[in-house]
Amino acid sequence: MDIITAITKVLAVGLILGAGLPALFALGMRAEAAGDGSIAGRPANPALKYLGYFLIGLAAVVIVVGILWITRQTLNYYFDLKIFPDFAYKK
């Protein structure tokens, strides 16, 4: 049963980050375009523009945090830099 649980966790994270993050970015691009009035026949809407910026920024932050998570041991070893809580590091 441990194998099935592990596979389910990997599948869930893969779906969220593999499909959810690009979808979040795409929604941000669409909202920003609608906010600028770039879509034909629609007036500019500043709220949608800022929502688009927020969603694009959120996708960028998730990517940066993911890269930092992957490199956390290396950053700790070479630079003695701990970005995450202590439980995230091998002792």
C-alpha atoms as a PDB file:
ATOM      1  CA  MET A   1       0.000   0.000   0.000  1.00  0.00           C
ATOM      2  CA  ASP A   2       2.904   2.368   0.516  1.00  0.00           C
ATOM      3  CA  ILE A   3       3.724   2.234  -3.178  1.00  0.00           C
ATOM      4  CA  ILE A   4       0.178   3.181  -4.176  1.00  0.00           C
ATOM      5  CA  THR A   5       0.192   6.092  -1.724  1.00  0.00           C
ATOM      6  CA  ALA A   6       3.518   7.341  -3.069  1.00  0.00           C
ATOM      7  CA  ILE A   7       2.363   7.038  -6.682  1.00  0.00           C
ATOM      8  CA  THR A   8      -0.835   8.924  -5.859  1.00  0.00           C
ATOM      9  CA  LYS A   9       1.119  11.763  -4.243  1.00  0.00           C
ATOM     10  CA  VAL A  10       3.491  12.037  -7.207  1.00  0.00           C
ATOM     11  CA  LEU A  11       0.561  11.989  -9.620  1.00  0.00           C
ATOM     12  CA  ALA A  12      -1.266  14.742  -7.718  1.00  0.00           C
ATOM     13  CA  VAL A  13       1.775  17.017  -7.559  1.00  0.00           C
ATOM     14  CA  GLY A  14       2.504  16.327 -11.225  1.00  0.00           C
ATOM     15  CA  LEU A  15      -1.012  17.299 -12.244  1.00  0.00           C
ATOM     16  CA  ILE A  16      -1.026  20.434 -10.111  1.00  0.00           C
ATOM     17  CA  LEU A  17       2.376  21.701 -11.210  1.00  0.00           C
ATOM     18  CA  GLY A  18       2.457  20.130 -14.655  1.00  0.00           C
ATOM     19  CA  ALA A  19      -0.967  21.283 -15.804  1.00  0.00           C
ATOM     20  CA  GLY A  20      -2.082  23.765 -13.152  1.00  0.00           C
ATOM     21  CA  LEU A  21       0.884  26.118 -13.311  1.00  0.00           C
ATOM     22  CA  PRO A  22       0.770  26.606 -17.102  1.00  0.00           C
ATOM     23  CA  ALA A  23      -3.014  27.029 -16.850  1.00  0.00           C
ATOM     24  CA  LEU A  24      -2.538  29.695 -14.160  1.00  0.00           C
ATOM     25  CA  PHE A  25      -0.050  31.494 -16.400  1.00  0.00           C
ATOM     26  CA  ALA A  26      -2.422  31.261 -19.372  1.00  0.00           C
ATOM     27  CA  LEU A  27      -5.290  32.697 -17.318  1.00  0.00           C
ATOM     28  CA  GLY A  28      -2.990  35.540 -16.284  1.00  0.00           C
ATOM     29  CA  MET A  29      -2.108  36.270 -19.909  1.00  0.00           C
ATOM     30  CA  ARG A  30      -5.773  36.188 -20.906  1.00  0.00           C
ATOM     31  CA  ALA A  31      -6.810  38.497 -18.043  1.00  0.00           C
ATOM     32  CA  GLU A  32      -3.996  40.926 -18.834  1.00  0.00           C
ATOM     33  CA  ALA A  33      -4.997  41.026 -22.504  1.00  0.00           C
ATOM     34  CA  ALA A  34      -8.641  41.608 -21.593  1.00  0.00           C
ATOM     35  CA  GLY A  35      -7.591  44.316 -19.148  1.00  0.00           C
ATOM     36  CA  ASP A  36      -5.601  46.166 -21.810  1.00  0.00           C
ATOM     37  CA  GLY A  37      -8.466  46.086 -24.247  1.00  0.00           C
ATOM     38  CA  SER A  38      -6.340  44.038 -26.663  1.00  0.00           C
ATOM     39  CA  ILE A  39      -9.190  41.606 -27.274  1.00  0.00           C
ATOM     40  CA  ALA A  40     -11.335  42.910 -30.122  1.00  0.00           C
ATOM     41  CA  GLY A  41     -14.446  44.795 -29.103  1.00  0.00           C
ATOM     42  CA  ARG A  42     -13.716  44.975 -25.381  1.00  0.00           C
ATOM     43  CA  PRO A  43     -12.981  48.139 -23.434  1.00  0.00           C
ATOM     44  CA  ALA A  44      -9.959  48.366 -21.142  1.00  0.00           C
ATOM     45  CA  ASN A  45     -10.521  47.079 -17.599  1.00  0.00           C
ATOM     46  CA  PRO A  46      -7.759  47.898 -15.084  1.00  0.00           C
ATOM     47  CA  ALA A  47      -8.981  45.288 -12.569  1.00  0.00           C
ATOM     48  CA  LEU A  48      -8.479  42.489 -15.090  1.00  0.00           C
ATOM     49  CA  LYS A  49      -5.103  43.922 -16.033  1.00  0.00           C
ATOM     50  CA  TYR A  50      -3.878  43.804 -12.428  1.00  0.00           C
ATOM     51  CA  LEU A  51      -5.409  40.364 -11.899  1.00  0.00           C
ATOM     52  CA  GLY A  52      -3.408  39.181 -14.894  1.00  0.00           C
ATOM     53  CA  TYR A  53      -0.221  40.661 -13.475  1.00  0.00           C
ATOM     54  CA  PHE A  54      -0.925  38.974 -10.141  1.00  0.00           C
ATOM     55  CA  LEU A  55      -1.491  35.547 -11.724  1.00  0.00           C
ATOM     56  CA  ILE A  56       1.654  35.804 -13.852  1.00  0.00           C
ATOM     57  CA  GLY A  57       3.633  36.916 -10.799  1.00  0.00           C
ATOM     58  CA  LEU A  58       2.212  34.041  -8.750  1.00  0.00           C
ATOM     59  CA  ALA A  59       3.323  31.556 -11.406  1.00  0.00           C
ATOM     60  CA  ALA A  60       6.808  33.106 -11.384  1.00  0.00           C
ATOM     61  CA  VAL A  61       7.027  32.907  -7.581  1.00  0.00           C
ATOM     62  CA  VAL A  62       6.019  29.234  -7.607  1.00  0.00           C
ATOM     63  CA  ILE A  63       8.736  28.500 -10.173  1.00  0.00           C
ATOM     64  CA  VAL A  64      11.416  30.325  -8.151  1.00  0.00           C
ATOM     65  CA  VAL A  65      10.381  28.586  -4.914  1.00  0.00           C
ATOM     66  CA  GLY A  66      10.487  25.236  -6.718  1.00  0.00           C
ATOM     67  CA  ILE A  67      14.017  25.891  -7.961  1.00  0.00           C
ATOM     68  CA  LEU A  68      15.095  26.953  -4.468  1.00  0.00           C
ATOM     69  CA  TRP A  69      13.504  23.806  -3.009  1.00  0.00           C
ATOM     70  CA  ILE A  70      15.384  21.581  -5.454  1.00  0.00           C
ATOM     71  CA  THR A  71      18.702  23.325  -4.724  1.00  0.00           C
ATOM     72  CA  ARG A  72      18.212  23.758  -0.959  1.00  0.00           C
ATOM     73  CA  GLN A  73      20.856  21.174   0.051  1.00  0.00           C
ATOM     74  CA  THR A  74      23.434  22.639  -2.315  1.00  0.00           C
ATOM     75  CA  LEU A  75      22.791  26.180  -1.116  1.00  0.00           C
ATOM     76  CA  ASN A  76      23.112  24.996   2.476  1.00  0.00           C
ATOM     77  CA  TYR A  77      26.317  23.049   1.818  1.00  0.00           C
ATOM     78  CA  TYR A  78      28.228  25.648  -0.201  1.00  0.00           C
ATOM     79  CA  PHE A  79      26.851  28.936   1.114  1.00  0.00           C
ATOM     80  CA  ASP A  80      25.459  27.935   4.545  1.00  0.00           C
ATOM     81  CA  LEU A  81      22.164  29.429   3.399  1.00  0.00           C
ATOM     82  CA  LYS A  82      18.952  28.009   4.869  1.00  0.00           C
ATOM     83  CA  ILE A  83      15.887  29.390   3.115  1.00  0.00           C
ATOM     84  CA  PHE A  84      13.386  26.806   4.349  1.00  0.00           C
ATOM     85  CA  PRO A  85      12.666  25.548   7.913  1.00  0.00           C
ATOM     86  CA  ASP A  86      15.101  23.103   9.536  1.00  0.00           C
ATOM     87  CA  PHE A  87      12.964  20.008   8.858  1.00  0.00           C
ATOM     88  CA  ALA A  88      13.633  20.419   5.116  1.00  0.00           C
ATOM     89  CA  TYR A  89      17.355  19.681   5.461  1.00  0.00           C
ATOM     90  CA  LYS A  90      19.254  16.439   5.973  1.00  0.00           C
ATOM     91  CA  LYS A  91      21.267  16.291   9.144  1.00  0.00           C
END
